[in-house]
C-alpha atoms as a PDB file:
ATOM      1  CA  MET A   1     -13.138   0.676  15.525  1.00  0.00           C
ATOM      2  CA  ARG A   2     -16.391   1.699  17.135  1.00  0.00           C
ATOM      3  CA  GLN A   3     -16.330   4.997  15.263  1.00  0.00           C
ATOM      4  CA  SER A   4     -16.046   3.190  11.938  1.00  0.00           C
ATOM      5  CA  GLY A   5     -18.698   0.644  12.904  1.00  0.00           C
ATOM      6  CA  HIS A   6     -16.325  -2.314  12.664  1.00  0.00           C
ATOM      7  CA  TRP A   7     -16.649  -3.117  16.381  1.00  0.00           C
ATOM      8  CA  THR A   8     -20.127  -2.787  17.839  1.00  0.00           C
ATOM      9  CA  SER A   9     -19.809  -4.998  20.910  1.00  0.00           C
ATOM     10  CA  PRO A  10     -20.051  -3.240  24.268  1.00  0.00           C
ATOM     11  CA  GLU A  11     -17.075  -5.368  25.372  1.00  0.00           C
ATOM     12  CA  PRO A  12     -13.562  -4.016  24.837  1.00  0.00           C
ATOM     13  CA  LEU A  13     -11.862  -5.339  21.726  1.00  0.00           C
ATOM     14  CA  SER A  14      -9.732  -8.297  22.773  1.00  0.00           C
ATOM     15  CA  GLU A  15      -6.638  -9.606  21.056  1.00  0.00           C
ATOM     16  CA  ASN A  16      -8.507 -12.795  20.110  1.00  0.00           C
ATOM     17  CA  SER A  17     -11.358 -10.795  18.580  1.00  0.00           C
ATOM     18  CA  LEU A  18      -8.962  -8.623  16.599  1.00  0.00           C
ATOM     19  CA  ARG A  19      -7.057 -11.633  15.301  1.00  0.00           C
ATOM     20  CA  GLY A  20     -10.319 -13.334  14.367  1.00  0.00           C
ATOM     21  CA  MET A  21     -11.438 -10.279  12.428  1.00  0.00           C
ATOM     22  CA  LEU A  22      -8.095 -10.179  10.609  1.00  0.00           C
ATOM     23  CA  ARG A  23      -8.282 -13.883   9.720  1.00  0.00           C
ATOM     24  CA  ASN A  24     -11.821 -13.436   8.411  1.00  0.00           C
ATOM     25  CA  ARG A  25     -10.933 -10.382   6.335  1.00  0.00           C
ATOM     26  CA  ILE A  26      -7.854 -12.045   4.868  1.00  0.00           C
ATOM     27  CA  HIS A  27      -9.864 -15.159   4.039  1.00  0.00           C
ATOM     28  CA  HIS A  28     -12.418 -13.094   2.101  1.00  0.00           C
ATOM     29  CA  LEU A  29      -9.885 -10.816   0.378  1.00  0.00           C
ATOM     30  CA  ASN A  30      -9.838 -11.046  -3.400  1.00  0.00           C
ATOM     31  CA  ILE A  31      -6.066 -11.127  -3.820  1.00  0.00           C
ATOM     32  CA  ASN A  32      -6.154 -10.558  -7.571  1.00  0.00           C
ATOM     33  CA  ARG A  33      -8.347  -7.489  -7.195  1.00  0.00           C
ATOM     34  CA  ALA A  34      -6.066  -6.127  -4.467  1.00  0.00           C
ATOM     35  CA  LYS A  35      -3.069  -6.582  -6.752  1.00  0.00           C
ATOM     36  CA  GLU A  36      -4.869  -4.736  -9.552  1.00  0.00           C
ATOM     37  CA  ASP A  37      -5.841  -1.919  -7.183  1.00  0.00           C
ATOM     38  CA  VAL A  38      -2.286  -1.194  -6.030  1.00  0.00           C
ATOM     39  CA  SER A  39      -0.228  -2.149  -9.078  1.00  0.00           C
ATOM     40  CA  ARG A  40      -0.650   1.228 -10.772  1.00  0.00           C
ATOM     41  CA  PHE A  41       1.029   2.921  -7.795  1.00  0.00           C
ATOM     42  CA  LEU A  42       4.106   0.677  -7.822  1.00  0.00           C
ATOM     43  CA  PRO A  43       7.153   1.136 -10.026  1.00  0.00           C
ATOM     44  CA  SER A  44       7.519  -2.656 -10.148  1.00  0.00           C
ATOM     45  CA  GLN A  45       4.920  -5.358  -9.567  1.00  0.00           C
ATOM     46  CA  ASN A  46       7.555  -7.909  -8.518  1.00  0.00           C
ATOM     47  CA  ASN A  47       6.818  -7.471  -4.814  1.00  0.00           C
ATOM     48  CA  ILE A  48       3.117  -8.219  -5.065  1.00  0.00           C
ATOM     49  CA  GLY A  49       3.792 -11.534  -6.751  1.00  0.00           C
ATOM     50  CA  ILE A  50       4.072 -13.182  -3.325  1.00  0.00           C
ATOM     51  CA  TRP A  51       0.677 -11.924  -2.159  1.00  0.00           C
ATOM     52  CA  SER A  52      -1.584 -14.780  -1.151  1.00  0.00           C
ATOM     53  CA  GLU A  53      -3.942 -15.695   1.673  1.00  0.00           C
ATOM     54  CA  GLU A  54      -1.086 -17.592   3.304  1.00  0.00           C
ATOM     55  CA  PHE A  55       1.256 -14.606   2.986  1.00  0.00           C
ATOM     56  CA  PHE A  56      -1.174 -12.191   4.660  1.00  0.00           C
ATOM     57  CA  SER A  57      -2.120 -14.768   7.305  1.00  0.00           C
ATOM     58  CA  ASP A  58       1.547 -15.160   8.176  1.00  0.00           C
ATOM     59  CA  LEU A  59       1.968 -11.382   8.446  1.00  0.00           C
ATOM     60  CA  ALA A  60      -1.131 -11.067  10.615  1.00  0.00           C
ATOM     61  CA  GLY A  61       0.229 -13.762  12.908  1.00  0.00           C
ATOM     62  CA  ARG A  62       3.379 -11.723  13.450  1.00  0.00           C
ATOM     63  CA  ILE A  63       1.542  -8.626  14.679  1.00  0.00           C
ATOM     64  CA  GLN A  64       2.465  -7.912  18.253  1.00  0.00           C
ATOM     65  CA  ILE A  65      -0.269  -6.517  20.465  1.00  0.00           C
ATOM     66  CA  LEU A  66       1.150  -4.234  23.146  1.00  0.00           C
END
């Protein structure tokens, strides 16, 4: 993440920091625009119908940090 400029702190990236960044990004995601961006690559748009801030927040909460 330092190479991409997404993490500039001299401290190592902690699990709490990563989860905070995910929550922030999900909160600011334009779900409708994301659906439009990917829909042309999908044979069926049925699966993206469940996309929402709550859906992505739930997925992010299930990520296991090893």
